Amino acid sequence: MRLFYPTHNLIDAEGGVLRFFSHCTGSFQLPDGVTPSPEQTLELRLETAGRTVLRTVPVKGRIAETELPALPEGDGLLRARLLDPANRLILARKEMPVKIRKRFGKALPGNCVIDARGRAIVDGKPYMPLGLYTGELTRRDVKRIAESPFNCVMPYGSMQLGPDGEVGGNRAPFEAVKLALDELHANGLKILFSIKDVYRSNPLGPDDYVYRDLKGADETVKRYVEAFRSHPALLAWYTCDEKMADWVDIMTRRRELVNRLDPDHPTWAVFYQPNVEDYLPMLDLFGGDQYPISRISEGYDHHMTSIDRLMGLAEATGIPTWNVPQAHNLNIYSPAEKAADYRDPTGEEMLSLALVQAIHGGKGFVFYSYFDFFRGPAGTEAEPELAEKRWRDACMAAGELKKLESFLMAEADGPAVEIVESEGKFRARCFTDGNGNYRLLLAGVGPGRTAGTLRVKLPEGLTFRSRTGNTEQRAPGEFRFTGNDIASDIVELNRQ
């Protein structure tokens, strides 16, 4: 069982939602003649200073949640049991120490808290990450990104950052990194700070990590987290990039370490692997980075089945997600003789990938990657015109997402969508900004033709506008979408 809200094993002293995800693995020996019941419950016991809270709640789709009252700040012990009441069975147990503290309204500049809707709350306001993976960051890069729709960066070399693209330089490493973060903050950009490479060489081996004068992976992480946890440019800690499941135990301890050192910023980890449930103990935010526009010869560039599937699996767990839309051509990483079997994603496809992630509940979008805009087949240098086109396409997609921010980050869900007819794989979701305006997001996963008719209950008298022309309004509240391969639409429905 995994407590995934609130994050950091922190419980809000002002009360609120407590949310668990249940996932049982391994072999179980049941009594003879007993068949597990699908009706399960979660029994919770929270012991705090002078108060005990008991709850028994149903498990719905492997997610259980309850409301807690206001509690005194301090330490607590949370015990949970997954029960099969019909057969009087205890299926699983979990016990964890928790901290009880006020999670919102802190004075720390840049404090990032994930709320019960999966939204980042920064400085007390909803914040939707629109980011770019980067390498070195020159002042020209920082200025260019700051003037675009993007609002944050994930530099792989976060620990080596320096002013104007220096990598380390002659300054002490912490001083150089601070100057680089100061520059990001001065330009209104936040950083997803990468510590994803600070690990021993083998998950079963000794802690042999060495970086400059720092020895030991945990000690190195501790020094960097302590150095930058209060910097106003910090948004989150990037703790893992696509490691296999044999690292989960180590990485769970890493999350717990970072959570203890910095309870004011979440951890984010990214995977292409479909075994989402295995990774939940080691992160506060999940990121999906399937890159579906790949081998032309095998038809992989015509659909986004992989990212749709991965996002569906993540959505089913209830874990908040900041996802990674593909913005690069995979020929950059292929041998020269195979480079022609790949192509650039178009701007419309970049947007479509992000929209299907949003439909599955995504609350952040960090495009991969800024540095690849400037690279050609097999890692050669791209022509300046091509690099500029890629940048324009990515900015277009990010700009459309930015227009959706008040809808994706709203206080309440939009009305439910009923798909009454579909051809091919088709996704849709309706969002509201709370002010009487709506956005209907639609995506055809592909390959080939996708069509669908849907109904949604909306107020009368709304104006209708289809961004791509892929959707028609057949009657008030009834819409027909038609697309081919990777396709999408944003339908604007505004009060007059």
Protein backbone atom coordinates (compact mmCIF):
# COMPACT_ATOMS: atom_id res chain seq x y z
CA MET A 1 0.00 0.00 0.00
CA ARG A 2 1.26 3.45 -0.86
CA LEU A 3 0.20 6.73 0.74
CA PHE A 4 0.48 9.08 -2.22
CA TYR A 5 -1.51 12.02 -0.95
CA PRO A 6 -0.35 14.01 0.89
CA THR A 7 3.22 13.70 -0.42
CA HIS A 8 6.33 13.43 1.77
CA ASN A 9 4.49 11.28 4.36
CA LEU A 10 3.20 14.59 5.69
CA ILE A 11 -0.33 15.06 6.96
CA ASP A 12 -1.88 18.48 6.85
CA ALA A 13 -2.49 19.78 10.37
CA GLU A 14 -5.50 21.65 9.02
CA GLY A 15 -7.16 18.39 7.94
CA GLY A 16 -8.11 17.18 4.49
CA VAL A 17 -7.89 14.18 2.21
CA LEU A 18 -5.74 11.11 2.90
CA ARG A 19 -5.37 8.89 -0.18
CA PHE A 20 -3.90 5.38 -0.57
CA PHE A 21 -3.24 3.14 -3.54
CA SER A 22 -3.30 -0.61 -2.92
CA HIS A 23 -1.15 -2.99 -4.95
CA CYS A 24 -0.57 -6.58 -3.85
CA THR A 25 2.24 -8.63 -5.38
CA GLY A 26 3.68 -12.06 -4.73
CA SER A 27 2.09 -15.42 -3.96
CA PHE A 28 -0.77 -15.79 -1.51
CA GLN A 29 -2.04 -18.95 0.15
CA LEU A 30 -5.76 -18.59 0.77
CA PRO A 31 -7.84 -20.96 2.89
CA ASP A 32 -9.40 -23.86 1.01
CA GLY A 33 -12.54 -22.91 -0.85
CA VAL A 34 -12.03 -19.16 -0.38
CA THR A 35 -12.24 -16.85 -3.36
CA PRO A 36 -11.08 -13.25 -2.75
CA SER A 37 -13.93 -10.78 -2.76
CA PRO A 38 -13.67 -7.72 -5.04
CA GLU A 39 -15.20 -5.70 -2.19
CA GLN A 40 -12.19 -4.58 -0.15
CA THR A 41 -11.82 -1.96 2.58
CA LEU A 42 -8.91 -0.04 4.06
CA GLU A 43 -8.70 0.28 7.82
CA LEU A 44 -6.66 3.29 8.98
CA ARG A 45 -5.42 4.13 12.46
CA LEU A 46 -3.57 7.42 12.96
CA GLU A 47 -1.99 7.93 16.38
CA THR A 48 -0.86 11.45 17.27
CA ALA A 49 0.00 13.30 20.43
CA GLY A 50 -3.12 12.92 22.53
CA ARG A 51 -5.42 11.84 19.72
CA THR A 52 -6.22 8.70 17.71
CA VAL A 53 -8.20 8.79 14.48
CA LEU A 54 -9.85 5.60 13.17
CA ARG A 55 -11.31 5.15 9.70
CA THR A 56 -12.58 2.23 7.61
CA VAL A 57 -13.22 3.18 3.99
CA PRO A 58 -14.04 1.27 0.79
CA VAL A 59 -11.40 0.64 -1.86
CA LYS A 60 -12.61 1.88 -5.24
CA GLY A 61 -10.47 0.89 -8.19
CA ARG A 62 -7.64 0.15 -5.74
CA ILE A 63 -7.78 3.71 -4.39
CA ALA A 64 -9.04 4.48 -0.89
CA GLU A 65 -9.43 7.92 0.61
CA THR A 66 -10.86 9.60 3.66
CA GLU A 67 -11.13 13.04 5.22
CA LEU A 68 -9.11 13.80 8.34
CA PRO A 69 -9.93 16.44 10.97
CA ALA A 70 -7.56 19.19 12.04
CA LEU A 71 -4.73 17.74 14.13
CA PRO A 72 -1.96 19.11 16.37
CA GLU A 73 1.41 19.52 14.67
CA GLY A 74 4.03 16.94 15.57
CA ASP A 75 4.84 13.28 14.97
CA GLY A 76 2.34 10.54 14.25
CA LEU A 77 2.13 6.86 13.41
CA LEU A 78 -0.14 5.69 10.62
CA ARG A 79 -1.20 2.04 10.46
CA ALA A 80 -3.17 0.66 7.52
CA ARG A 81 -4.70 -2.76 6.84
CA LEU A 82 -6.18 -3.88 3.53
CA LEU A 83 -9.16 -6.09 4.34
CA ASP A 84 -11.45 -8.54 2.58
CA PRO A 85 -14.45 -8.27 4.94
CA ALA A 86 -16.55 -10.93 3.20
CA ASN A 87 -13.90 -13.57 3.92
CA ARG A 88 -12.56 -11.96 7.10
CA LEU A 89 -9.08 -11.75 5.59
CA ILE A 90 -6.24 -9.30 6.15
CA LEU A 91 -4.62 -8.93 2.71
CA ALA A 92 -1.83 -6.49 3.57
CA ARG A 93 -0.48 -4.32 6.38
CA LYS A 94 1.56 -1.14 6.39
CA GLU A 95 2.93 1.03 9.16
CA MET A 96 4.66 4.36 8.67
CA PRO A 97 5.78 7.31 10.77
CA VAL A 98 4.31 10.61 9.55
CA LYS A 99 4.83 14.27 10.28
CA ILE A 100 1.82 16.49 10.93
CA ARG A 101 2.28 20.09 9.88
CA LYS A 102 0.58 22.86 7.96
CA ARG A 103 1.25 22.20 4.29
CA PHE A 104 -0.13 25.35 2.70
CA GLY A 105 0.46 29.05 3.19
CA LYS A 106 4.14 28.83 4.13
CA ALA A 107 6.25 31.95 3.74
CA LEU A 108 9.15 30.21 1.96
CA PRO A 109 9.45 31.79 -1.52
CA GLY A 110 8.81 29.18 -4.20
CA ASN A 111 7.34 26.62 -1.80
CA CYS A 112 5.77 23.92 -4.03
CA VAL A 113 3.00 21.75 -2.58
CA ILE A 114 0.95 19.16 -4.47
CA ASP A 115 -2.71 19.46 -3.58
CA ALA A 116 -5.49 16.86 -3.54
CA ARG A 117 -6.26 17.55 -7.22
CA GLY A 118 -2.66 16.78 -8.21
CA ARG A 119 -1.87 20.44 -8.88
CA ALA A 120 1.36 22.18 -7.96
CA ILE A 121 0.64 25.09 -5.62
CA VAL A 122 3.54 27.56 -5.75
CA ASP A 123 3.52 30.68 -3.58
CA GLY A 124 -0.10 29.84 -2.79
CA LYS A 125 -1.28 29.72 -6.41
CA PRO A 126 -1.76 26.87 -8.95
CA TYR A 127 1.32 26.49 -11.17
CA MET A 128 1.38 24.36 -14.32
CA PRO A 129 4.94 23.39 -15.31
CA LEU A 130 5.61 24.04 -19.00
CA GLY A 131 9.20 23.00 -19.26
CA LEU A 132 12.11 21.89 -21.40
CA TYR A 133 14.83 19.35 -20.82
CA THR A 134 18.11 21.22 -21.34
CA GLY A 135 21.85 20.76 -21.14
CA GLU A 136 24.14 23.72 -20.53
CA LEU A 137 22.29 27.01 -20.29
CA THR A 138 23.89 30.12 -21.69
CA ARG A 139 22.43 33.55 -20.99
CA ARG A 140 21.12 33.52 -24.55
CA ASP A 141 19.29 30.24 -23.85
CA VAL A 142 17.84 31.55 -20.60
CA LYS A 143 16.63 34.75 -22.25
CA ARG A 144 15.13 32.88 -25.18
CA ILE A 145 13.24 30.42 -22.96
CA ALA A 146 12.09 33.18 -20.62
CA GLU A 147 10.55 35.06 -23.57
CA SER A 148 8.67 31.93 -24.72
CA PRO A 149 5.57 30.21 -23.28
CA PHE A 150 7.85 27.89 -21.25
CA ASN A 151 8.26 28.59 -17.54
CA CYS A 152 10.78 26.03 -16.25
CA VAL A 153 13.79 23.94 -17.25
CA MET A 154 15.19 20.52 -16.35
CA PRO A 155 18.95 20.72 -16.94
CA TYR A 156 20.60 17.30 -16.93
CA GLY A 157 23.71 18.95 -15.56
CA SER A 158 21.97 20.77 -12.71
CA MET A 159 24.83 19.97 -10.32
CA GLN A 160 27.37 21.45 -12.75
CA LEU A 161 25.51 24.61 -13.71
CA GLY A 162 27.34 27.91 -13.79
CA PRO A 163 26.74 31.43 -15.09
CA ASP A 164 26.36 31.71 -18.86
CA GLY A 165 26.76 28.00 -19.53
CA GLU A 166 29.88 27.44 -17.47
CA VAL A 167 30.22 23.88 -16.27
CA GLY A 168 31.82 24.19 -12.87
CA GLY A 169 34.31 26.86 -13.90
CA ASN A 170 36.85 28.02 -11.36
CA ARG A 171 34.27 28.70 -8.68
CA ALA A 172 33.30 26.28 -5.94
CA PRO A 173 30.48 24.12 -7.36
CA PHE A 174 27.78 25.35 -4.97
CA GLU A 175 28.62 28.99 -5.64
CA ALA A 176 28.50 28.48 -9.40
CA VAL A 177 25.18 26.62 -9.25
CA LYS A 178 23.68 29.33 -7.04
CA LEU A 179 24.63 32.02 -9.54
CA ALA A 180 22.98 30.01 -12.32
CA LEU A 181 19.80 29.57 -10.24
CA ASP A 182 19.83 33.28 -9.43
CA GLU A 183 19.87 33.98 -13.16
CA LEU A 184 16.93 31.64 -13.80
CA HIS A 185 14.95 33.28 -11.00
CA ALA A 186 15.73 36.76 -12.29
CA ASN A 187 14.25 35.69 -15.63
CA GLY A 188 11.11 34.19 -14.11
CA LEU A 189 12.11 30.56 -14.72
CA LYS A 190 12.04 27.65 -12.30
CA ILE A 191 14.25 24.58 -12.22
CA LEU A 192 13.51 20.89 -11.87
CA PHE A 193 16.85 20.18 -10.22
CA SER A 194 18.39 16.92 -11.38
CA ILE A 195 20.06 14.59 -8.91
CA LYS A 196 19.09 11.59 -11.01
CA ASP A 197 22.68 10.40 -11.57
CA VAL A 198 23.73 10.40 -7.93
CA TYR A 199 23.69 6.64 -7.37
CA ARG A 200 26.09 3.83 -6.69
CA SER A 201 27.21 1.95 -9.78
CA ASN A 202 25.22 -1.17 -8.89
CA PRO A 203 21.99 -1.43 -6.86
CA LEU A 204 23.41 -4.40 -4.95
CA GLY A 205 26.92 -3.02 -4.56
CA PRO A 206 28.63 -0.63 -2.12
CA ASP A 207 28.02 3.11 -2.16
CA ASP A 208 30.96 3.89 -4.44
CA TYR A 209 29.67 7.25 -5.71
CA VAL A 210 32.25 10.06 -5.84
CA TYR A 211 31.75 13.59 -7.13
CA ARG A 212 34.54 16.14 -6.76
CA ASP A 213 35.32 16.23 -3.04
CA LEU A 214 32.04 14.54 -2.07
CA LYS A 215 31.94 10.82 -1.32
CA GLY A 216 28.81 8.70 -1.09
CA ALA A 217 25.56 9.12 -3.01
CA ASP A 218 23.40 10.00 -0.01
CA GLU A 219 25.96 12.46 1.36
CA THR A 220 26.20 14.16 -2.04
CA VAL A 221 22.42 14.44 -2.34
CA LYS A 222 22.24 15.77 1.22
CA ARG A 223 24.75 18.52 0.47
CA TYR A 224 22.95 19.66 -2.70
CA VAL A 225 19.46 19.52 -1.22
CA GLU A 226 20.55 21.49 1.83
CA ALA A 227 22.31 24.02 -0.38
CA PHE A 228 19.34 24.77 -2.69
CA ARG A 229 16.12 23.74 -0.92
CA SER A 230 15.38 27.37 -0.04
CA HIS A 231 16.22 28.87 -3.42
CA PRO A 232 13.15 30.57 -4.97
CA ALA A 233 13.93 29.10 -8.42
CA LEU A 234 13.52 25.51 -7.18
CA LEU A 235 10.34 23.73 -8.28
CA ALA A 236 11.07 20.03 -7.67
CA TRP A 237 13.83 17.44 -7.41
CA TYR A 238 14.34 15.19 -10.44
CA THR A 239 15.37 11.94 -8.80
CA CYS A 240 15.19 9.22 -11.46
CA ASP A 241 15.31 8.75 -15.20
CA GLU A 242 14.10 5.37 -16.49
CA LYS A 243 15.87 3.06 -14.04
CA MET A 244 14.70 -0.54 -13.89
CA ALA A 245 12.64 -2.02 -11.07
CA ASP A 246 15.68 -3.53 -9.32
CA TRP A 247 16.51 0.03 -8.20
CA VAL A 248 13.13 0.65 -6.53
CA ASP A 249 14.23 -0.08 -2.95
CA ILE A 250 17.26 2.22 -3.19
CA MET A 251 15.26 4.91 -4.92
CA THR A 252 12.48 4.69 -2.35
CA ARG A 253 15.06 5.43 0.33
CA ARG A 254 16.32 8.29 -1.83
CA ARG A 255 12.83 9.80 -2.03
CA GLU A 256 12.44 9.47 1.73
CA LEU A 257 15.81 11.18 2.26
CA VAL A 258 14.94 14.10 -0.03
CA ASN A 259 11.45 14.34 1.51
CA ARG A 260 12.95 14.62 5.00
CA LEU A 261 15.53 17.20 3.96
CA ASP A 262 13.10 19.27 1.92
CA PRO A 263 9.40 18.89 2.79
CA ASP A 264 8.62 21.97 0.68
CA HIS A 265 9.35 20.57 -2.80
CA PRO A 266 8.26 17.24 -4.36
CA THR A 267 10.31 14.56 -6.06
CA TRP A 268 9.66 13.78 -9.74
CA ALA A 269 10.75 10.65 -11.60
CA VAL A 270 10.21 9.69 -15.24
CA PHE A 271 9.69 6.31 -16.92
CA TYR A 272 8.81 4.77 -20.26
CA GLN A 273 8.27 1.41 -18.53
CA PRO A 274 4.63 0.29 -18.18
CA ASN A 275 5.00 -1.22 -14.67
CA VAL A 276 3.85 2.04 -13.10
CA GLU A 277 2.68 0.44 -9.85
CA ASP A 278 6.17 -0.82 -9.02
CA TYR A 279 7.60 2.69 -9.09
CA LEU A 280 5.04 4.46 -6.89
CA PRO A 281 6.96 4.08 -3.59
CA MET A 282 9.92 6.07 -4.96
CA LEU A 283 8.30 9.29 -6.16
CA ASP A 284 5.84 12.04 -5.38
CA LEU A 285 5.10 12.78 -9.06
CA PHE A 286 5.19 10.31 -11.96
CA GLY A 287 6.26 11.28 -15.46
CA GLY A 288 5.60 9.30 -18.63
CA ASP A 289 8.17 9.68 -21.41
CA GLN A 290 7.14 7.31 -24.15
CA TYR A 291 8.27 8.77 -27.51
CA PRO A 292 5.91 7.24 -30.05
CA ILE A 293 7.03 9.03 -33.23
CA SER A 294 9.77 6.62 -34.14
CA ARG A 295 10.46 4.04 -36.87
CA ILE A 296 8.69 4.97 -40.09
CA SER A 297 9.31 1.58 -41.71
CA GLU A 298 7.32 -0.15 -38.96
CA GLY A 299 4.50 2.41 -38.87
CA TYR A 300 5.35 3.66 -35.37
CA ASP A 301 5.16 7.28 -36.48
CA HIS A 302 1.39 7.02 -37.15
CA HIS A 303 0.03 6.53 -33.65
CA MET A 304 0.52 7.28 -29.95
CA THR A 305 -0.70 3.98 -28.53
CA SER A 306 2.30 3.65 -26.20
CA ILE A 307 1.88 7.01 -24.48
CA ASP A 308 -1.90 6.59 -24.27
CA ARG A 309 -1.44 3.20 -22.60
CA LEU A 310 1.20 4.44 -20.16
CA MET A 311 -0.89 7.44 -19.18
CA GLY A 312 -3.95 5.23 -18.70
CA LEU A 313 -1.97 3.03 -16.31
CA ALA A 314 -0.72 6.04 -14.35
CA GLU A 315 -4.19 7.59 -14.21
CA ALA A 316 -5.62 4.37 -12.76
CA THR A 317 -3.28 4.64 -9.76
CA GLY A 318 -4.31 8.23 -9.02
CA ILE A 319 -0.68 9.41 -8.88
CA PRO A 320 -0.21 13.05 -9.98
CA THR A 321 1.75 13.33 -13.24
CA TRP A 322 4.06 15.80 -14.95
CA ASN A 323 4.69 14.24 -18.34
CA VAL A 324 7.23 14.47 -21.14
CA PRO A 325 5.87 15.20 -24.64
CA GLN A 326 8.19 14.23 -27.49
CA ALA A 327 9.68 17.22 -29.29
CA HIS A 328 12.75 15.57 -30.82
CA ASN A 329 13.63 13.39 -33.78
CA LEU A 330 14.88 9.99 -32.62
CA ASN A 331 17.33 9.87 -35.53
CA ILE A 332 19.62 11.95 -33.31
CA TYR A 333 20.29 8.80 -31.29
CA SER A 334 20.41 6.35 -34.21
CA PRO A 335 23.34 5.22 -36.36
CA ALA A 336 23.80 7.32 -39.48
CA GLU A 337 22.70 4.49 -41.78
CA LYS A 338 19.33 4.22 -39.98
CA ALA A 339 18.65 7.91 -39.47
CA ALA A 340 16.31 8.17 -42.47
CA ASP A 341 13.85 5.82 -40.73
CA TYR A 342 12.83 8.61 -38.36
CA ARG A 343 11.25 12.04 -38.68
CA ASP A 344 10.57 15.17 -36.70
CA PRO A 345 7.27 15.40 -34.85
CA THR A 346 5.22 18.28 -36.17
CA GLY A 347 4.06 21.04 -33.87
CA GLU A 348 0.51 19.68 -34.08
CA GLU A 349 1.76 16.23 -33.07
CA MET A 350 3.69 17.67 -30.11
CA LEU A 351 0.46 19.30 -29.00
CA SER A 352 -1.54 16.10 -29.57
CA LEU A 353 0.82 14.11 -27.35
CA ALA A 354 0.47 16.69 -24.58
CA LEU A 355 -3.32 16.78 -24.97
CA VAL A 356 -3.72 13.03 -24.56
CA GLN A 357 -1.58 13.35 -21.41
CA ALA A 358 -3.86 16.15 -20.18
CA ILE A 359 -6.95 14.06 -20.92
CA HIS A 360 -5.45 11.37 -18.68
CA GLY A 361 -5.02 13.92 -15.88
CA GLY A 362 -1.55 15.38 -16.52
CA LYS A 363 -0.85 18.62 -14.66
CA GLY A 364 2.59 19.45 -16.10
CA PHE A 365 4.41 19.13 -19.44
CA VAL A 366 8.21 19.08 -19.76
CA PHE A 367 9.19 18.73 -23.42
CA TYR A 368 12.13 16.60 -24.48
CA SER A 369 14.30 18.36 -25.45
CA TYR A 370 15.70 21.83 -26.06
CA PHE A 371 19.25 20.68 -26.83
CA ASP A 372 18.05 18.21 -29.48
CA PHE A 373 16.58 21.04 -31.56
CA PHE A 374 20.15 21.81 -32.57
CA ARG A 375 21.19 18.24 -33.47
CA GLY A 376 20.85 16.34 -36.71
CA PRO A 377 21.06 12.65 -37.68
CA ALA A 378 23.40 10.57 -35.51
CA GLY A 379 24.16 13.60 -33.36
CA THR A 380 25.51 15.87 -36.07
CA GLU A 381 24.79 19.59 -36.03
CA ALA A 382 21.38 20.56 -37.40
CA GLU A 383 20.95 23.28 -39.99
CA PRO A 384 20.01 26.59 -38.30
CA GLU A 385 16.72 26.75 -40.24
CA LEU A 386 15.70 23.29 -38.99
CA ALA A 387 16.64 24.13 -35.40
CA GLU A 388 14.57 27.31 -35.60
CA LYS A 389 11.56 25.47 -37.03
CA ARG A 390 11.69 22.92 -34.22
CA TRP A 391 11.79 25.72 -31.67
CA ARG A 392 8.81 27.46 -33.27
CA ASP A 393 6.82 24.21 -33.30
CA ALA A 394 7.54 23.54 -29.64
CA CYS A 395 6.61 27.10 -28.69
CA MET A 396 3.35 26.78 -30.60
CA ALA A 397 2.43 23.61 -28.68
CA ALA A 398 3.45 25.14 -25.35
CA GLY A 399 1.51 28.30 -26.18
CA GLU A 400 -1.69 26.31 -26.74
CA LEU A 401 -1.16 24.51 -23.43
CA LYS A 402 -0.59 27.81 -21.67
CA LYS A 403 -3.99 29.00 -22.92
CA LEU A 404 -5.48 25.93 -21.24
CA GLU A 405 -3.84 26.51 -17.86
CA SER A 406 -6.90 28.00 -16.13
CA PHE A 407 -8.90 24.94 -17.25
CA LEU A 408 -6.36 22.19 -16.49
CA MET A 409 -5.58 23.77 -13.10
CA ALA A 410 -9.17 24.61 -12.12
CA GLU A 411 -10.71 24.03 -8.70
CA ALA A 412 -13.36 21.61 -10.02
CA ASP A 413 -13.82 19.00 -12.72
CA GLY A 414 -15.70 19.74 -15.90
CA PRO A 415 -18.85 17.85 -16.85
CA ALA A 416 -18.55 14.16 -17.72
CA VAL A 417 -18.18 13.19 -21.37
CA GLU A 418 -20.26 10.35 -22.78
CA ILE A 419 -18.84 8.76 -25.93
CA VAL A 420 -21.85 7.38 -27.78
CA GLU A 421 -20.06 6.18 -30.92
CA SER A 422 -16.42 5.61 -31.77
CA GLU A 423 -14.24 4.30 -34.56
CA GLY A 424 -10.65 3.61 -33.63
CA LYS A 425 -9.11 4.65 -30.33
CA PHE A 426 -10.51 7.99 -29.20
CA ARG A 427 -10.06 10.05 -26.01
CA ALA A 428 -12.01 13.10 -24.78
CA ARG A 429 -12.43 15.14 -21.61
CA CYS A 430 -14.19 18.40 -20.77
CA PHE A 431 -12.68 21.04 -18.48
CA THR A 432 -14.11 24.20 -16.97
CA ASP A 433 -12.39 27.32 -15.66
CA GLY A 434 -15.13 27.88 -13.08
CA ASN A 435 -16.27 31.06 -14.80
CA GLY A 436 -18.77 29.55 -17.20
CA ASN A 437 -16.27 28.68 -19.94
CA TYR A 438 -15.35 25.17 -21.10
CA ARG A 439 -12.65 23.39 -23.10
CA LEU A 440 -13.30 20.06 -24.74
CA LEU A 441 -10.05 18.21 -25.42
CA LEU A 442 -10.17 15.43 -28.01
CA ALA A 443 -7.48 13.09 -29.28
CA GLY A 444 -7.37 10.36 -31.87
CA VAL A 445 -4.70 7.89 -30.84
CA GLY A 446 -4.36 6.29 -34.28
CA PRO A 447 -3.18 4.67 -36.43
CA GLY A 448 -5.47 5.50 -39.30
CA ARG A 449 -8.86 7.13 -39.13
CA THR A 450 -10.39 7.91 -35.76
CA ALA A 451 -13.91 9.23 -35.35
CA GLY A 452 -16.25 9.62 -32.44
CA THR A 453 -19.49 11.20 -31.34
CA LEU A 454 -19.83 12.41 -27.78
CA ARG A 455 -22.30 14.20 -25.57
CA VAL A 456 -21.68 16.47 -22.62
CA LYS A 457 -24.14 18.45 -20.52
CA LEU A 458 -23.38 22.15 -20.93
CA PRO A 459 -25.23 25.41 -20.32
CA GLU A 460 -27.15 26.83 -23.23
CA GLY A 461 -25.91 29.67 -25.41
CA LEU A 462 -22.19 28.86 -25.49
CA THR A 463 -20.11 29.94 -28.48
CA PHE A 464 -18.31 27.17 -30.38
CA ARG A 465 -14.84 27.20 -31.92
CA SER A 466 -12.78 24.21 -33.09
CA ARG A 467 -9.04 24.94 -33.13
CA THR A 468 -8.16 22.37 -35.83
CA GLY A 469 -11.48 21.93 -37.60
CA ASN A 470 -11.53 18.25 -36.64
CA THR A 471 -14.72 18.68 -34.57
CA GLU A 472 -18.22 19.75 -35.53
CA GLN A 473 -21.09 20.62 -33.23
CA ARG A 474 -24.09 18.58 -34.33
CA ALA A 475 -26.45 19.83 -31.65
CA PRO A 476 -26.08 21.64 -28.31
CA GLY A 477 -23.87 19.37 -26.24
CA GLU A 478 -23.26 16.88 -29.08
CA PHE A 479 -19.97 16.85 -30.99
CA ARG A 480 -18.39 14.77 -33.76
CA PHE A 481 -14.59 14.39 -33.99
CA THR A 482 -12.75 13.00 -37.03
CA GLY A 483 -8.98 12.67 -37.32
CA ASN A 484 -6.24 10.64 -38.94
CA ASP A 485 -3.24 9.01 -37.25
CA ILE A 486 -2.01 11.30 -34.41
CA ALA A 487 -4.73 13.94 -34.27
CA SER A 488 -6.40 16.20 -31.74
CA ASP A 489 -8.61 19.21 -31.22
CA ILE A 490 -9.33 21.89 -28.64
CA VAL A 491 -12.96 22.96 -28.71
CA GLU A 492 -13.55 26.34 -27.09
CA LEU A 493 -17.00 26.72 -25.52
CA ASN A 494 -17.41 30.15 -23.99
CA ARG A 495 -20.30 31.98 -22.46
CA GLN A 496 -21.49 34.90 -24.60
